[in-house]
Amino acid sequence: MQWQENDVIQNSNWIKKRKLHNVDFFSDVFSKRIYSNRYHFEDLANEIFYEIFEYLDLYDIYKGFFNLNQRFQNLIINSNFLNQINISTMSKSKFEYYHKNILLPNKHRIRLIRLSNPFMNELIFSSAYTILRFIHLETLIFDHIEMKDFIKLINHLAHLHELYSLIISLADHIQSLSVLFSSIFQLKKLKYCKIEYTIKDDQNQKSISFDLTRHVFSPIQYLIINGDFPFNSLNNLLSCLPELHHISIQSLVNSNDNIKIDDLSYYIHLRYLKYVSFKLNSIDFNKFENIIKQFFDYVEILHLTMNSDEKYLNAKLWQQLIISYMPYLRIFDMKYQGSIENKYDIIKQFSSSFWIEKKWFFTHEHDWKSTMDRGVFYSSIPYRRKDYMYYWASDEQLYSHNQEENFNSVNHLFICSKIKDHCLKCFPNVNQLTFTLFFDDWNDSIVRNLNCMISLEQLTKIVLEPYRIPLKDIIRLLCFTSNLHTLQFHTFGLHHNNLDVVRRNYAFEYASKINKIKSLILHGRCSLNELEFIVNLFPQLKCLETGMNRTEIQQIIRFLLSKTHNKTQHLFYLCIAYTPKYINSNLYLWW
């Protein structure tokens, strides 16, 4: 069985996009049947209404059609729309209508629920009685939920006998992985689980270790962990998952506890484990080798990213491991990030007959102009890799047995150095872009070269990690990315500009008219004047996350909530970062 995150939601969105291009269909329907034959709108066939509904949100369908007449009520009640409740970001008043008229009357038939903020969690699952009425619920998605609220819910969720898929993103810092996973393992029907969490930088490592002293078994087959997980606890975790098929961990980290691999006397054979994807942060090769020997007997697909210990670049060690302990391996996808200086002779071992016969090819890239210590060695066949890190130069010698790279599967591109003029790499399906470095000579050529690699019009999210990117360059980028809906950058650029002068610039005026930014994350603190600039630049803004000067918080909130102007007419969700005594040191407002 193939599992994908939010399959129903993603497929629905894909269908809608495809149908938007089918102009002829609607042209024929409306021009021939309505205008030529003078039909009334309600005379259209049910099938046509279902086609129209594909374009609309469930909220708009219900509010616009349900109370028209009995026919439309029956159309909506007998459709599949009410089986899948994807409550995206919306205002509080809109959600209250949604909750009362759509969700509560249909909870007995709902199979999927997705909630986008912690306020929705509290309103929908306010009592055990309410939870148990969702008798056919199969998939539950919490985009943001506090740990204490999740723990309250978990005992009741265990009584939902059809719940097999759980996706959670925790809003606060995790305090104990043992508490989190032991709670999830209570769900005895669960097959798919995706967890996202964060850990405080200064948190005691012992407190986050995963250590179930008694053997607890979970039926989970697909497990995805987006967060730091202690490597020394990996044995314990895997030993709790006898039916595991697929595991992905975003970050395996060293911990300071005293649990050692050899201390755990109980092991199981993971006969169903076929897919493994790990990012190893400062994990010694020898330690990871023990994990391979113990658990990877039946693994067929192995994706690894690592950033230390040059033993990972030793092809002979890998060859011995694969032959002896991973006989069924058919995809070996490795990415080593770090120093590759003076390691070319070692790297060339990956061009031996063993690797060529299996059609496993490798190359490396690095930024020649900055330092030889920064680079990446990786499998050149992307194996449907969804992200790609771009560096300035690549080593052509390792391409001798390789075909042209195909980047069709990549949807997230990381720019880690200045873009090469006339770059031949093409990423046709990238919709998310992250800049990891600041370029002193950012100019129009950067945008031009970038547009040769990707379609800027296709981008929906951009993350600008460097704090020094000038405001004028951010605005210039907005002029070429009119379909962007999410943007993230540092407030540094706001602090070092005369914003009144910038506001009179033509680029500002053009960018403010064409951009469709709905969600904005600002790292750092904003003043009232800077927030006024922001809402003028992003007039369609719905969700805003930023830090604020404590002395101006009341003034800023009063401005954002004011009805004397229409600059924030779409804004309904605000996260004020760095505020003590609130969730994750943040204050959330929803109206």
Protein backbone atom coordinates (compact mmCIF):
# COMPACT_ATOMS: atom_id res chain seq x y z
CA MET A 1 0.00 0.00 0.00
CA GLN A 2 1.30 3.43 -0.93
CA TRP A 3 1.04 6.12 1.72
CA GLN A 4 1.41 9.81 1.03
CA GLU A 5 0.81 12.77 3.31
CA ASN A 6 -2.60 14.30 2.74
CA ASP A 7 -3.26 12.24 -0.40
CA VAL A 8 -6.90 13.25 -0.61
CA ILE A 9 -6.16 16.94 -0.15
CA GLN A 10 -3.26 17.02 -2.61
CA ASN A 11 -5.12 15.04 -5.25
CA SER A 12 -8.12 17.33 -4.92
CA ASN A 13 -5.95 20.41 -5.41
CA TRP A 14 -4.24 18.79 -8.41
CA ILE A 15 -7.59 18.00 -10.03
CA LYS A 16 -8.73 21.57 -9.54
CA LYS A 17 -5.60 22.92 -11.22
CA ARG A 18 -6.01 20.60 -14.17
CA LYS A 19 -9.63 21.56 -14.59
CA LEU A 20 -8.80 25.24 -14.64
CA HIS A 21 -7.15 24.60 -18.01
CA ASN A 22 -10.20 22.86 -19.40
CA VAL A 23 -11.77 26.05 -20.71
CA ASP A 24 -13.48 24.41 -23.67
CA PHE A 25 -15.64 22.25 -21.42
CA PHE A 26 -17.17 25.16 -19.56
CA SER A 27 -17.32 27.29 -22.69
CA ASP A 28 -19.46 24.65 -24.40
CA VAL A 29 -21.68 24.11 -21.38
CA PHE A 30 -22.47 27.72 -20.69
CA SER A 31 -22.50 29.10 -24.23
CA LYS A 32 -24.43 26.30 -25.91
CA ARG A 33 -26.75 25.15 -23.16
CA ILE A 34 -27.43 28.31 -21.20
CA TYR A 35 -27.17 31.13 -23.70
CA SER A 36 -28.24 29.33 -26.89
CA ASN A 37 -31.05 27.27 -25.34
CA ARG A 38 -32.01 29.81 -22.65
CA TYR A 39 -31.72 27.24 -19.82
CA HIS A 40 -31.88 28.38 -16.24
CA PHE A 41 -28.86 27.78 -14.03
CA GLU A 42 -30.69 25.25 -11.86
CA ASP A 43 -31.65 23.23 -14.98
CA LEU A 44 -28.10 21.99 -15.33
CA ALA A 45 -27.47 18.30 -14.71
CA ASN A 46 -26.19 17.15 -11.32
CA GLU A 47 -22.91 16.08 -12.90
CA ILE A 48 -22.22 19.63 -14.04
CA PHE A 49 -22.87 21.00 -10.56
CA TYR A 50 -20.41 18.49 -9.14
CA GLU A 51 -17.88 19.74 -11.69
CA ILE A 52 -18.52 23.33 -10.58
CA PHE A 53 -18.20 22.36 -6.92
CA GLU A 54 -14.70 21.04 -7.61
CA TYR A 55 -13.59 24.68 -7.93
CA LEU A 56 -15.04 25.76 -4.60
CA ASP A 57 -14.22 25.35 -0.95
CA LEU A 58 -16.71 23.28 1.05
CA TYR A 59 -17.59 26.36 3.11
CA ASP A 60 -18.55 28.30 -0.05
CA ILE A 61 -20.49 25.36 -1.46
CA TYR A 62 -22.50 24.99 1.71
CA LYS A 63 -23.18 28.67 2.31
CA GLY A 64 -23.92 29.42 -1.35
CA PHE A 65 -26.09 26.43 -2.30
CA PHE A 66 -27.35 24.41 0.65
CA ASN A 67 -30.32 26.62 1.54
CA LEU A 68 -31.43 27.36 -2.04
CA ASN A 69 -33.82 24.41 -2.34
CA GLN A 70 -34.26 20.72 -1.56
CA ARG A 71 -32.44 19.62 -4.69
CA PHE A 72 -29.20 21.36 -3.71
CA GLN A 73 -29.47 20.06 -0.17
CA ASN A 74 -29.69 16.52 -1.52
CA LEU A 75 -26.80 17.16 -3.92
CA ILE A 76 -24.51 18.24 -1.09
CA ILE A 77 -25.67 15.61 1.42
CA ASN A 78 -25.21 12.77 -1.08
CA SER A 79 -21.79 13.97 -2.27
CA ASN A 80 -18.36 12.98 -0.99
CA PHE A 81 -17.47 16.55 -0.01
CA LEU A 82 -18.66 16.05 3.54
CA ASN A 83 -16.44 13.01 4.04
CA GLN A 84 -13.24 15.07 3.95
CA ILE A 85 -13.04 18.17 6.12
CA ASN A 86 -9.95 20.24 5.32
CA ILE A 87 -10.28 23.34 7.46
CA SER A 88 -7.52 25.57 6.21
CA THR A 89 -6.67 28.95 7.68
CA MET A 90 -9.86 30.94 8.02
CA SER A 91 -11.30 33.67 10.22
CA LYS A 92 -12.94 32.85 13.53
CA SER A 93 -16.44 33.91 12.40
CA LYS A 94 -16.14 31.81 9.25
CA PHE A 95 -14.98 28.82 11.26
CA GLU A 96 -17.87 29.14 13.74
CA TYR A 97 -20.34 28.91 10.84
CA TYR A 98 -18.38 25.98 9.41
CA HIS A 99 -18.37 24.21 12.77
CA LYS A 100 -22.09 24.67 13.46
CA ASN A 101 -23.53 24.00 10.00
CA ILE A 102 -21.11 21.59 8.36
CA LEU A 103 -18.93 19.74 10.82
CA LEU A 104 -21.25 18.95 13.73
CA PRO A 105 -24.26 17.72 11.67
CA ASN A 106 -22.02 15.43 9.61
CA LYS A 107 -19.53 14.11 12.16
CA HIS A 108 -20.91 10.57 11.87
CA ARG A 109 -19.84 10.39 8.19
CA ILE A 110 -16.54 12.29 8.25
CA ARG A 111 -13.46 10.24 7.34
CA LEU A 112 -10.79 12.95 7.26
CA ILE A 113 -10.33 16.08 9.37
CA ARG A 114 -7.53 18.61 9.01
CA LEU A 115 -7.30 21.48 11.51
CA SER A 116 -4.99 24.42 10.94
CA ASN A 117 -4.57 26.13 14.31
CA PRO A 118 -4.76 25.27 18.04
CA PHE A 119 -7.99 27.22 18.57
CA MET A 120 -9.84 24.89 16.19
CA ASN A 121 -8.61 21.83 18.09
CA GLU A 122 -10.15 23.09 21.32
CA LEU A 123 -13.49 23.98 19.73
CA ILE A 124 -14.02 20.75 17.81
CA PHE A 125 -12.69 18.23 20.34
CA SER A 126 -13.97 19.95 23.44
CA SER A 127 -15.19 16.77 25.15
CA ALA A 128 -14.85 13.00 25.04
CA TYR A 129 -18.51 12.77 24.01
CA THR A 130 -17.86 14.90 20.90
CA ILE A 131 -14.77 12.92 19.90
CA LEU A 132 -16.52 9.55 20.09
CA ARG A 133 -19.22 10.73 17.68
CA PHE A 134 -16.69 10.69 14.81
CA ILE A 135 -17.24 6.96 14.41
CA HIS A 136 -15.91 6.71 10.83
CA LEU A 137 -12.90 8.97 11.23
CA GLU A 138 -9.88 7.44 9.45
CA THR A 139 -7.42 10.32 9.11
CA LEU A 140 -6.77 13.08 11.64
CA ILE A 141 -4.42 15.99 10.95
CA PHE A 142 -3.43 18.59 13.56
CA ASP A 143 -1.32 21.34 11.99
CA HIS A 144 -0.68 22.92 15.42
CA ILE A 145 -1.60 21.41 18.76
CA GLU A 146 -0.20 21.83 22.25
CA MET A 147 1.27 18.72 23.83
CA LYS A 148 -1.03 18.89 26.86
CA ASP A 149 -4.10 19.00 24.60
CA PHE A 150 -2.88 16.09 22.54
CA ILE A 151 -2.31 13.98 25.68
CA LYS A 152 -5.89 14.74 26.76
CA LEU A 153 -7.23 13.63 23.39
CA ILE A 154 -5.21 10.47 22.95
CA ASN A 155 -7.17 8.29 25.41
CA HIS A 156 -10.40 9.09 23.57
CA LEU A 157 -8.87 8.65 20.12
CA ALA A 158 -8.01 5.09 21.10
CA HIS A 159 -11.76 4.33 20.97
CA LEU A 160 -12.04 5.38 17.31
CA HIS A 161 -11.71 1.95 15.74
CA GLU A 162 -11.28 3.18 12.16
CA LEU A 163 -8.55 5.77 12.88
CA TYR A 164 -5.51 4.50 10.99
CA SER A 165 -3.72 7.74 9.99
CA LEU A 166 -2.43 10.47 12.34
CA ILE A 167 -0.47 13.60 11.39
CA ILE A 168 0.46 16.03 14.16
CA SER A 169 2.51 19.19 14.38
CA LEU A 170 3.17 20.26 17.97
CA ALA A 171 2.92 23.98 18.73
CA ASP A 172 5.08 23.93 21.84
CA HIS A 173 8.55 22.53 22.59
CA ILE A 174 8.57 18.82 23.34
CA GLN A 175 9.44 17.90 26.93
CA SER A 176 9.55 14.10 26.71
CA LEU A 177 9.71 11.86 23.66
CA SER A 178 8.82 8.86 25.81
CA VAL A 179 5.52 10.47 26.81
CA LEU A 180 4.74 11.46 23.22
CA PHE A 181 5.42 8.06 21.65
CA SER A 182 3.92 5.98 24.45
CA SER A 183 0.74 8.01 23.97
CA ILE A 184 0.71 7.43 20.21
CA PHE A 185 1.39 3.73 20.69
CA GLN A 186 -1.95 3.45 22.52
CA LEU A 187 -3.69 3.72 19.14
CA LYS A 188 -3.93 0.05 18.25
CA LYS A 189 -5.36 0.57 14.76
CA LEU A 190 -2.80 3.17 13.66
CA LYS A 191 -0.90 2.37 10.45
CA TYR A 192 0.43 5.77 9.37
CA CYS A 193 1.95 8.38 11.68
CA LYS A 194 3.72 11.63 10.91
CA ILE A 195 5.02 13.77 13.80
CA GLU A 196 6.58 17.22 13.76
CA TYR A 197 8.05 18.79 16.88
CA THR A 198 10.82 21.09 18.14
CA ILE A 199 13.19 20.92 21.10
CA LYS A 200 14.63 23.85 23.02
CA ASP A 201 18.31 24.43 22.28
CA ASP A 202 19.18 24.49 25.98
CA GLN A 203 16.93 21.60 26.96
CA ASN A 204 18.36 18.74 29.00
CA GLN A 205 19.13 15.94 26.53
CA LYS A 206 18.23 13.29 29.09
CA SER A 207 14.67 14.61 29.28
CA ILE A 208 14.06 14.09 25.57
CA SER A 209 15.47 10.58 25.30
CA PHE A 210 13.12 7.85 24.15
CA ASP A 211 13.29 4.98 26.63
CA LEU A 212 10.35 2.64 27.08
CA THR A 213 11.45 0.33 29.87
CA ARG A 214 8.67 -2.15 29.20
CA HIS A 215 8.23 -3.49 25.70
CA VAL A 216 5.37 -1.67 24.01
CA PHE A 217 4.41 -2.66 20.50
CA SER A 218 2.66 -0.50 17.92
CA PRO A 219 1.04 -1.61 14.63
CA ILE A 220 2.44 1.48 12.84
CA GLN A 221 3.70 0.61 9.36
CA TYR A 222 4.69 4.07 8.12
CA LEU A 223 6.46 6.42 10.53
CA ILE A 224 7.75 9.91 9.67
CA ILE A 225 9.49 11.99 12.36
CA ASN A 226 10.24 15.63 11.55
CA GLY A 227 12.33 16.73 14.50
CA ASP A 228 15.48 15.83 16.44
CA PHE A 229 15.49 12.23 17.61
CA PRO A 230 18.33 10.86 19.82
CA PHE A 231 20.36 8.30 17.92
CA ASN A 232 21.03 6.26 21.06
CA SER A 233 17.29 5.68 21.38
CA LEU A 234 16.82 4.44 17.81
CA ASN A 235 17.18 0.78 18.83
CA ASN A 236 14.46 1.15 21.41
CA LEU A 237 12.12 2.81 18.90
CA LEU A 238 12.62 0.23 16.17
CA SER A 239 12.10 -2.62 18.64
CA CYS A 240 8.59 -1.26 19.32
CA LEU A 241 7.55 -1.44 15.65
CA PRO A 242 7.44 -5.09 14.48
CA GLU A 243 5.19 -4.27 11.48
CA LEU A 244 7.24 -1.31 10.25
CA HIS A 245 7.45 -0.91 6.44
CA HIS A 246 8.68 2.67 6.06
CA ILE A 247 10.59 4.99 8.39
CA SER A 248 11.86 8.52 7.84
CA ILE A 249 13.61 10.63 10.51
CA GLN A 250 14.49 14.23 9.69
CA SER A 251 17.34 14.51 12.19
CA LEU A 252 19.11 11.78 14.19
CA VAL A 253 21.29 13.53 16.77
CA ASN A 254 23.82 12.58 19.41
CA SER A 255 22.54 12.68 22.97
CA ASN A 256 24.33 12.90 26.29
CA ASP A 257 22.50 10.10 28.07
CA ASN A 258 24.16 6.84 29.05
CA ILE A 259 22.06 4.52 26.92
CA LYS A 260 24.29 2.56 24.58
CA ILE A 261 23.40 0.31 21.73
CA ASP A 262 24.83 -2.77 23.39
CA ASP A 263 22.90 -2.06 26.60
CA LEU A 264 19.59 -3.00 24.95
CA SER A 265 19.30 -6.76 25.05
CA TYR A 266 16.01 -7.07 23.20
CA TYR A 267 15.92 -6.92 19.42
CA ILE A 268 13.43 -7.90 16.76
CA HIS A 269 13.82 -8.69 13.07
CA LEU A 270 12.00 -6.09 10.98
CA ARG A 271 10.89 -8.42 8.19
CA TYR A 272 8.63 -5.83 6.57
CA LEU A 273 11.03 -2.87 6.65
CA LYS A 274 11.68 -1.88 3.03
CA TYR A 275 12.23 1.88 3.12
CA VAL A 276 14.61 3.90 5.35
CA SER A 277 15.38 7.62 5.15
CA PHE A 278 17.65 9.19 7.81
CA LYS A 279 19.53 12.44 8.23
CA LEU A 280 22.51 11.73 10.50
CA ASN A 281 23.80 14.76 12.41
CA SER A 282 27.32 14.14 13.77
CA ILE A 283 26.74 10.38 14.06
CA ASP A 284 29.86 8.19 13.80
CA PHE A 285 29.87 5.69 10.97
CA ASN A 286 30.66 2.81 13.33
CA LYS A 287 27.54 3.51 15.40
CA PHE A 288 25.29 3.62 12.39
CA GLU A 289 26.91 0.46 11.04
CA ASN A 290 25.60 -1.42 14.10
CA ILE A 291 22.06 -0.27 13.33
CA ILE A 292 22.40 -1.54 9.75
CA LYS A 293 23.63 -4.93 10.93
CA GLN A 294 20.82 -5.31 13.42
CA PHE A 295 17.73 -4.07 11.56
CA PHE A 296 18.30 -3.61 7.80
CA ASP A 297 18.23 -7.22 6.58
CA TYR A 298 15.21 -6.66 4.31
CA VAL A 299 15.67 -3.00 3.38
CA GLU A 300 15.29 -2.26 -0.36
CA ILE A 301 15.48 1.54 -0.41
CA LEU A 302 17.99 3.53 1.67
CA HIS A 303 18.17 7.36 1.66
CA LEU A 304 20.91 8.85 3.85
CA THR A 305 22.13 12.39 4.52
CA MET A 306 25.13 12.91 6.79
CA ASN A 307 27.48 15.75 7.73
CA SER A 308 30.47 14.26 9.55
CA ASP A 309 32.92 11.31 9.69
CA GLU A 310 34.68 10.75 6.37
CA LYS A 311 34.17 7.01 6.73
CA TYR A 312 30.81 7.61 5.08
CA LEU A 313 32.81 8.40 1.91
CA ASN A 314 34.54 5.00 1.99
CA ALA A 315 33.04 3.01 -0.89
CA LYS A 316 34.69 -0.25 0.18
CA LEU A 317 33.09 -0.13 3.63
CA TRP A 318 29.68 0.47 2.07
CA GLN A 319 30.21 -2.33 -0.43
CA GLN A 320 30.95 -4.81 2.36
CA LEU A 321 27.93 -3.68 4.37
CA ILE A 322 25.57 -3.94 1.41
CA ILE A 323 26.75 -7.39 0.36
CA SER A 324 26.70 -8.84 3.89
CA TYR A 325 23.75 -7.10 5.57
CA MET A 326 21.51 -5.51 2.92
CA PRO A 327 21.23 -8.14 0.18
CA TYR A 328 17.88 -6.83 -1.09
CA LEU A 329 19.00 -3.20 -1.47
CA ARG A 330 18.09 -1.82 -4.89
CA ILE A 331 18.24 1.96 -4.27
CA PHE A 332 21.17 3.51 -2.42
CA ASP A 333 20.75 7.28 -2.23
CA MET A 334 23.47 9.01 -0.24
CA LYS A 335 24.19 12.70 0.40
CA TYR A 336 27.28 13.75 2.34
CA GLN A 337 27.45 17.45 3.32
CA GLY A 338 30.68 18.83 4.69
CA SER A 339 34.38 18.93 3.90
CA ILE A 340 35.40 17.10 0.74
CA GLU A 341 38.83 18.72 0.34
CA ASN A 342 41.61 16.22 -0.41
CA LYS A 343 39.13 13.34 -0.53
CA TYR A 344 38.92 12.90 -4.28
CA ASP A 345 40.82 9.61 -4.32
CA ILE A 346 38.39 8.19 -1.75
CA ILE A 347 35.39 9.49 -3.66
CA LYS A 348 36.58 7.89 -6.92
CA GLN A 349 36.13 4.46 -5.32
CA PHE A 350 32.41 4.90 -5.97
CA SER A 351 33.18 4.47 -9.68
CA SER A 352 34.24 0.81 -9.33
CA SER A 353 32.46 -2.04 -11.14
CA PHE A 354 30.31 -2.83 -8.08
CA TRP A 355 28.59 0.56 -8.25
CA ILE A 356 28.43 0.68 -12.03
CA GLU A 357 26.74 -2.72 -12.26
CA LYS A 358 24.08 -1.61 -9.82
CA LYS A 359 23.74 1.70 -11.70
CA TRP A 360 24.47 3.70 -8.57
CA PHE A 361 26.33 6.84 -9.67
CA PHE A 362 27.67 9.79 -7.66
CA THR A 363 29.03 13.27 -8.06
CA HIS A 364 29.91 16.24 -5.87
CA GLU A 365 29.35 19.99 -5.91
CA HIS A 366 30.96 22.82 -3.99
CA ASP A 367 31.39 26.58 -4.05
CA TRP A 368 34.80 27.17 -5.64
CA LYS A 369 34.68 30.87 -4.87
CA SER A 370 34.20 30.59 -1.10
CA THR A 371 35.91 27.57 0.41
CA MET A 372 36.70 23.98 -0.48
CA ASP A 373 35.35 22.89 2.91
CA ARG A 374 31.76 23.47 1.86
CA GLY A 375 30.34 20.92 -0.49
CA VAL A 376 28.11 17.95 -1.02
CA PHE A 377 28.77 14.44 -2.34
CA TYR A 378 25.60 12.73 -3.46
CA SER A 379 23.86 10.15 -5.64
CA SER A 380 23.49 11.74 -9.05
CA ILE A 381 20.33 9.81 -9.90
CA PRO A 382 17.76 11.62 -7.78
CA TYR A 383 15.44 8.62 -7.08
CA ARG A 384 12.48 10.96 -6.94
CA ARG A 385 14.33 13.18 -4.49
CA LYS A 386 12.04 16.05 -3.53
CA ASP A 387 14.75 18.53 -2.49
CA TYR A 388 18.03 19.56 -4.07
CA MET A 389 20.96 21.68 -2.81
CA TYR A 390 22.60 23.78 -5.52
CA TYR A 391 26.32 24.58 -5.33
CA TRP A 392 28.48 26.47 -7.82
CA ALA A 393 30.63 23.72 -9.34
CA SER A 394 30.37 19.99 -9.96
CA ASP A 395 32.95 17.33 -10.67
CA GLU A 396 32.37 16.04 -14.18
CA GLN A 397 34.76 13.07 -13.79
CA LEU A 398 32.22 11.00 -11.88
CA TYR A 399 29.67 11.41 -14.66
CA SER A 400 31.51 9.09 -17.02
CA HIS A 401 29.01 6.25 -16.60
CA ASN A 402 26.00 8.35 -15.86
CA GLN A 403 23.08 9.58 -17.89
CA GLU A 404 21.78 13.11 -17.82
CA GLU A 405 20.28 13.98 -14.46
CA ASN A 406 16.52 14.21 -14.21
CA PHE A 407 15.18 16.67 -11.64
CA ASN A 408 11.46 16.31 -12.37
CA SER A 409 10.75 15.02 -8.86
CA VAL A 410 12.36 18.01 -7.12
CA ASN A 411 9.88 20.51 -5.66
CA HIS A 412 12.16 22.28 -3.12
CA LEU A 413 15.39 23.91 -4.29
CA PHE A 414 18.06 25.17 -1.87
CA ILE A 415 20.42 27.83 -3.25
CA CYS A 416 23.73 27.40 -1.39
CA SER A 417 25.98 29.57 -3.55
CA LYS A 418 25.87 32.13 -6.32
CA ILE A 419 24.10 30.77 -9.39
CA LYS A 420 26.35 29.94 -12.31
CA ASP A 421 25.76 31.86 -15.54
CA HIS A 422 23.96 29.75 -18.15
CA CYS A 423 23.37 26.93 -15.68
CA LEU A 424 22.20 23.81 -17.50
CA LYS A 425 20.33 22.29 -14.57
CA CYS A 426 16.56 22.56 -14.93
CA PHE A 427 13.97 21.95 -12.21
CA PRO A 428 10.59 22.10 -13.95
CA ASN A 429 8.42 21.31 -10.91
CA VAL A 430 10.03 23.38 -8.15
CA ASN A 431 7.46 25.38 -6.17
CA GLN A 432 9.49 26.10 -3.03
CA LEU A 433 12.79 28.01 -2.89
CA THR A 434 15.21 28.50 0.01
CA PHE A 435 18.28 30.76 -0.02
CA THR A 436 20.87 29.67 2.54
CA LEU A 437 23.56 32.28 1.77
CA PHE A 438 23.73 36.00 1.16
CA PHE A 439 25.35 37.20 -2.09
CA ASP A 440 27.06 40.59 -2.01
CA ASP A 441 26.45 41.16 -5.70
CA TRP A 442 22.78 40.18 -5.88
CA ASN A 443 21.43 41.89 -8.99
CA ASP A 444 19.17 41.30 -11.97
CA SER A 445 21.47 38.56 -13.26
CA ILE A 446 20.67 36.48 -10.17
CA VAL A 447 16.97 36.59 -10.97
CA ARG A 448 17.67 35.93 -14.66
CA ASN A 449 19.89 32.91 -13.95
CA LEU A 450 17.42 31.60 -11.42
CA ASN A 451 14.60 31.84 -13.93
CA CYS A 452 16.63 29.64 -16.31
CA MET A 453 16.61 26.89 -13.68
CA ILE A 454 13.06 27.20 -12.41
CA SER A 455 9.81 28.94 -13.24
CA LEU A 456 9.59 31.88 -10.84
CA GLU A 457 5.90 32.24 -11.63
CA GLN A 458 5.41 28.71 -10.34
CA LEU A 459 6.82 29.39 -6.87
CA THR A 460 4.39 29.34 -3.95
CA LYS A 461 6.87 29.63 -1.06
CA ILE A 462 10.23 31.35 -0.57
CA VAL A 463 12.43 31.20 2.54
CA LEU A 464 15.27 33.72 2.83
CA GLU A 465 17.50 32.42 5.64
CA PRO A 466 20.33 35.02 5.56
CA TYR A 467 19.46 38.01 7.72
CA ARG A 468 21.37 40.55 5.61
CA ILE A 469 19.37 40.37 2.39
CA PRO A 470 18.50 43.98 1.46
CA LEU A 471 14.85 44.99 1.32
CA LYS A 472 15.18 46.20 -2.28
CA ASP A 473 16.25 42.71 -3.35
CA ILE A 474 13.29 41.12 -1.60
CA ILE A 475 10.94 43.52 -3.37
CA ARG A 476 12.68 42.83 -6.71
CA LEU A 477 12.11 39.11 -6.20
CA LEU A 478 8.42 39.72 -5.47
CA CYS A 479 8.07 41.38 -8.87
CA PHE A 480 8.82 38.05 -10.57
CA THR A 481 6.90 35.69 -8.25
CA SER A 482 3.27 36.73 -8.54
CA ASN A 483 1.87 33.36 -7.37
CA LEU A 484 3.78 33.31 -4.10
CA HIS A 485 1.53 32.73 -1.08
CA THR A 486 4.13 32.18 1.70
CA LEU A 487 7.24 34.26 2.40
CA GLN A 488 9.81 34.13 5.19
CA PHE A 489 12.67 36.59 5.77
CA HIS A 490 14.53 38.55 8.46
CA THR A 491 13.53 42.03 9.59
CA PHE A 492 17.14 43.28 9.16
CA GLY A 493 16.27 44.83 5.80
CA LEU A 494 13.41 46.78 7.35
CA HIS A 495 15.66 48.28 10.02
CA HIS A 496 18.21 49.73 7.58
CA ASN A 497 16.01 51.60 5.12
CA ASN A 498 14.05 54.80 4.90
CA LEU A 499 10.72 53.04 4.45
CA ASP A 500 8.92 56.18 3.29
CA VAL A 501 11.38 56.47 0.39
CA VAL A 502 11.05 52.76 -0.45
CA ARG A 503 7.28 53.07 -0.46
CA ARG A 504 7.42 55.73 -3.20
CA ASN A 505 9.55 53.46 -5.39
CA TYR A 506 7.93 51.99 -8.53
CA ALA A 507 9.11 48.47 -7.65
CA PHE A 508 7.28 48.69 -4.31
CA GLU A 509 4.09 49.86 -6.01
CA TYR A 510 4.28 47.09 -8.62
CA ALA A 511 5.11 44.35 -6.11
CA SER A 512 2.28 45.38 -3.78
CA LYS A 513 -0.22 45.14 -6.64
CA ILE A 514 0.76 41.74 -8.04
CA ASN A 515 1.84 39.71 -5.00
CA LYS A 516 -0.60 37.24 -3.44
CA ILE A 517 1.20 36.67 -0.15
CA LYS A 518 -1.22 35.20 2.39
CA SER A 519 1.24 34.00 5.02
CA LEU A 520 4.30 35.98 6.19
CA ILE A 521 6.94 34.94 8.75
CA LEU A 522 9.36 37.64 9.89
CA HIS A 523 12.38 36.67 11.98
CA GLY A 524 13.32 39.45 14.36
CA ARG A 525 11.31 42.30 15.82
CA CYS A 526 9.17 44.86 14.01
CA SER A 527 8.25 48.38 15.06
CA LEU A 528 4.84 49.91 14.44
CA ASN A 529 6.21 51.87 11.48
CA GLU A 530 7.66 48.71 9.95
CA LEU A 531 4.37 46.82 10.42
CA GLU A 532 2.53 49.64 8.63
CA PHE A 533 5.02 49.23 5.76
CA ILE A 534 4.44 45.46 5.71
CA VAL A 535 0.65 45.62 5.45
CA ASN A 536 0.98 48.10 2.59
CA LEU A 537 3.39 45.80 0.76
CA PHE A 538 1.23 42.69 1.36
CA PRO A 539 -2.41 43.82 1.09
CA GLN A 540 -3.80 40.24 0.90
CA LEU A 541 -2.08 39.08 4.09
CA LYS A 542 -4.10 36.65 6.24
CA CYS A 543 -1.55 35.18 8.66
CA LEU A 544 1.38 37.06 10.19
CA GLU A 545 4.14 35.85 12.50
CA THR A 546 6.68 38.34 13.84
CA GLY A 547 8.43 39.61 16.90
CA MET A 548 7.54 43.03 18.34
CA ASN A 549 9.05 45.57 20.65
CA ARG A 550 7.32 44.98 23.96
CA THR A 551 6.60 48.67 24.46
CA GLU A 552 4.69 48.81 21.14
CA ILE A 553 2.67 45.57 21.33
CA GLN A 554 -0.58 47.29 22.33
CA GLN A 555 -0.25 49.95 19.65
CA ILE A 556 0.57 47.37 16.98
CA ILE A 557 -2.36 45.11 17.87
CA ARG A 558 -4.69 48.11 17.94
CA PHE A 559 -3.48 49.07 14.45
CA LEU A 560 -3.84 45.55 13.05
CA LEU A 561 -7.34 45.16 14.46
CA SER A 562 -8.50 48.63 13.52
CA LYS A 563 -11.52 48.97 11.23
CA THR A 564 -10.81 52.60 10.40
CA HIS A 565 -8.66 51.48 7.46
CA ASN A 566 -8.85 48.51 5.10
CA LYS A 567 -5.15 47.69 5.03
CA THR A 568 -5.61 44.61 7.22
CA GLN A 569 -9.09 43.62 6.06
CA HIS A 570 -7.96 40.04 5.24
CA LEU A 571 -5.77 39.52 8.31
CA PHE A 572 -7.25 37.22 10.96
CA TYR A 573 -4.34 35.30 12.51
CA LEU A 574 -1.38 36.79 14.36
CA CYS A 575 1.54 35.13 16.11
CA ILE A 576 3.68 37.46 18.24
CA ALA A 577 7.03 35.74 18.75
CA TYR A 578 9.36 36.04 21.74
CA THR A 579 6.50 36.70 24.18
CA PRO A 580 6.96 35.04 27.60
CA LYS A 581 4.29 32.92 29.34
CA TYR A 582 2.59 31.79 26.14
CA ILE A 583 2.74 28.80 23.81
CA ASN A 584 6.36 28.23 22.85
CA SER A 585 7.03 31.80 24.09
CA ASN A 586 4.60 33.05 21.44
CA LEU A 587 1.25 34.81 21.73
CA TYR A 588 -1.45 33.73 19.28
CA LEU A 589 -4.46 35.86 18.31
CA TRP A 590 -7.35 34.71 16.11
CA TRP A 591 -10.38 36.76 15.15
